[in-house]
């Protein structure tokens, strides 16, 4: 059975919407900064920190993509962008963007660890609300 984590762009988040292309760029940025860490320590850290290739299926263009690994410790992570309607405190409704990170049935424990790491990285970057795989919530957004 697959499991999901959500990064929600709440009203106090740094950004209110995102595209899959922007997400891909952030994963390239993540790979770049981890490779710099590896350069400083003389260790090929980028291959360990991001052991995935970004692949996009034509049916999911603009909505979702997946991270696929040929490493035996990792398999796949699905990442998508969507919107939901939420009710505000005053009773009105608003559309809210979220990133869904899904671990399919073929995913390993290594994938779950990497997915948690990526979720925290993205939530910090956007000052968003992170709903983890275990149901807990981490708040990286400014709170009242």
Protein backbone atom coordinates (compact mmCIF):
# COMPACT_ATOMS: atom_id res chain seq x y z
CA UNK A 1 0.00 0.00 0.00
CA UNK A 2 1.36 3.41 -0.93
CA UNK A 3 1.78 6.22 1.58
CA UNK A 4 1.65 9.99 1.12
CA UNK A 5 3.16 13.14 2.57
CA UNK A 6 1.92 16.64 1.75
CA UNK A 7 3.60 20.02 1.63
CA UNK A 8 0.80 22.57 1.92
CA UNK A 9 1.16 26.18 0.83
CA UNK A 10 -0.81 27.72 3.69
CA UNK A 11 -1.66 31.46 3.57
CA UNK A 12 1.49 32.38 5.56
CA UNK A 13 3.84 30.39 3.29
CA UNK A 14 6.53 32.16 1.28
CA UNK A 15 4.89 31.05 -1.98
CA UNK A 16 1.28 30.25 -2.87
CA UNK A 17 1.69 28.16 -6.04
CA UNK A 18 4.33 26.08 -7.81
CA UNK A 19 4.75 24.19 -11.06
CA UNK A 20 6.38 20.82 -11.62
CA UNK A 21 9.15 22.53 -13.60
CA UNK A 22 9.99 24.70 -10.58
CA UNK A 23 10.06 21.56 -8.42
CA UNK A 24 12.43 19.84 -10.84
CA UNK A 25 14.69 22.91 -10.71
CA UNK A 26 14.73 22.65 -6.91
CA UNK A 27 15.81 19.00 -7.12
CA UNK A 28 18.64 20.02 -9.48
CA UNK A 29 19.57 22.73 -6.96
CA UNK A 30 19.51 20.12 -4.16
CA UNK A 31 21.84 17.89 -6.17
CA UNK A 32 24.15 20.84 -6.82
CA UNK A 33 24.46 21.88 -3.17
CA UNK A 34 25.03 18.30 -2.01
CA UNK A 35 27.75 17.87 -4.63
CA UNK A 36 29.49 20.95 -3.20
CA UNK A 37 29.42 19.27 0.20
CA UNK A 38 31.05 16.25 -1.42
CA UNK A 39 33.73 18.44 -3.02
CA UNK A 40 34.61 19.87 0.38
CA UNK A 41 34.87 16.42 1.97
CA UNK A 42 36.45 14.65 -1.04
CA UNK A 43 33.55 12.18 -1.16
CA UNK A 44 31.06 11.63 -4.03
CA UNK A 45 28.23 12.76 -1.76
CA UNK A 46 25.85 13.92 -4.52
CA UNK A 47 25.44 10.33 -5.74
CA UNK A 48 24.47 9.24 -2.24
CA UNK A 49 22.37 12.32 -1.37
CA UNK A 50 20.34 12.19 -4.59
CA UNK A 51 20.47 8.69 -6.10
CA UNK A 52 17.59 9.37 -8.51
CA UNK A 53 16.87 10.39 -12.07
CA UNK A 54 13.91 12.68 -12.72
CA UNK A 55 11.49 11.06 -15.16
CA UNK A 56 8.19 12.37 -16.46
CA UNK A 57 5.44 10.33 -18.02
CA UNK A 58 3.60 12.05 -20.92
CA UNK A 59 0.25 11.46 -19.17
CA UNK A 60 1.40 13.35 -16.07
CA UNK A 61 3.02 16.30 -17.86
CA UNK A 62 2.65 19.39 -15.70
CA UNK A 63 0.93 17.49 -12.85
CA UNK A 64 3.39 14.86 -11.59
CA UNK A 65 6.77 13.22 -12.18
CA UNK A 66 8.77 10.56 -10.46
CA UNK A 67 12.24 10.02 -9.11
CA UNK A 68 13.61 6.68 -10.31
CA UNK A 69 16.77 4.99 -9.07
CA UNK A 70 18.87 2.15 -10.46
CA UNK A 71 20.57 1.78 -7.07
CA UNK A 72 19.50 -1.42 -5.27
CA UNK A 73 18.67 0.48 -2.03
CA UNK A 74 16.21 2.82 -3.76
CA UNK A 75 13.37 2.38 -6.26
CA UNK A 76 10.96 5.27 -6.84
CA UNK A 77 9.22 8.32 -5.38
CA UNK A 78 6.24 10.04 -7.06
CA UNK A 79 5.84 13.81 -6.76
CA UNK A 80 2.80 15.78 -7.86
CA UNK A 81 1.28 19.23 -7.57
CA UNK A 82 -2.44 19.81 -7.06
CA UNK A 83 -4.95 22.13 -5.40
CA UNK A 84 -7.54 21.66 -2.68
CA UNK A 85 -10.33 23.85 -1.37
CA UNK A 86 -10.03 24.80 2.28
CA UNK A 87 -12.39 26.63 4.59
CA UNK A 88 -10.99 29.71 6.31
CA UNK A 89 -11.75 30.86 9.85
CA UNK A 90 -14.31 33.40 8.62
CA UNK A 91 -16.26 30.65 6.81
CA UNK A 92 -15.14 31.51 3.28
CA UNK A 93 -13.35 29.03 1.03
CA UNK A 94 -10.02 29.34 -0.73
CA UNK A 95 -7.99 27.25 -3.14
CA UNK A 96 -4.69 26.01 -1.67
CA UNK A 97 -1.82 24.43 -3.59
CA UNK A 98 0.00 21.40 -2.21
CA UNK A 99 2.79 19.05 -3.21
CA UNK A 100 2.03 15.36 -2.77
CA UNK A 101 4.94 12.98 -2.25
CA UNK A 102 3.90 9.35 -2.72
CA UNK A 103 5.83 6.20 -1.94
CA UNK A 104 4.46 3.46 -4.21
CA UNK A 105 4.36 -0.17 -3.11
CA UNK A 106 7.74 -0.89 -4.72
CA UNK A 107 9.46 1.79 -2.58
CA UNK A 108 12.08 0.78 -0.04
CA UNK A 109 12.93 2.10 3.43
CA UNK A 110 15.72 4.04 1.73
CA UNK A 111 13.10 5.79 -0.43
CA UNK A 112 11.09 6.71 2.65
CA UNK A 113 14.15 8.24 4.30
CA UNK A 114 15.02 10.23 1.18
CA UNK A 115 11.39 11.31 0.73
CA UNK A 116 11.31 12.63 4.32
CA UNK A 117 14.57 14.47 3.68
CA UNK A 118 13.26 16.01 0.43
CA UNK A 119 9.94 16.97 2.07
CA UNK A 120 11.72 18.81 4.87
CA UNK A 121 14.00 20.56 2.38
CA UNK A 122 11.04 21.74 0.27
CA UNK A 123 8.89 22.74 3.26
CA UNK A 124 11.74 24.84 4.70
CA UNK A 125 12.36 26.43 1.30
CA UNK A 126 8.72 27.49 0.94
CA UNK A 127 7.99 28.07 4.65
CA UNK A 128 5.11 25.64 4.23
CA UNK A 129 3.23 23.14 6.38
CA UNK A 130 4.49 19.56 6.11
CA UNK A 131 2.19 16.60 6.72
CA UNK A 132 4.52 13.61 7.13
CA UNK A 133 3.93 9.98 6.14
CA UNK A 134 3.21 9.07 9.77
CA UNK A 135 0.45 11.69 10.08
CA UNK A 136 2.43 14.22 12.10
CA UNK A 137 2.62 17.85 11.05
CA UNK A 138 5.73 20.04 10.96
CA UNK A 139 5.24 23.79 10.69
CA UNK A 140 7.88 25.72 8.79
CA UNK A 141 5.53 28.65 8.15
CA UNK A 142 5.37 31.77 10.33
CA UNK A 143 2.68 31.16 12.94
CA UNK A 144 0.35 33.69 14.57
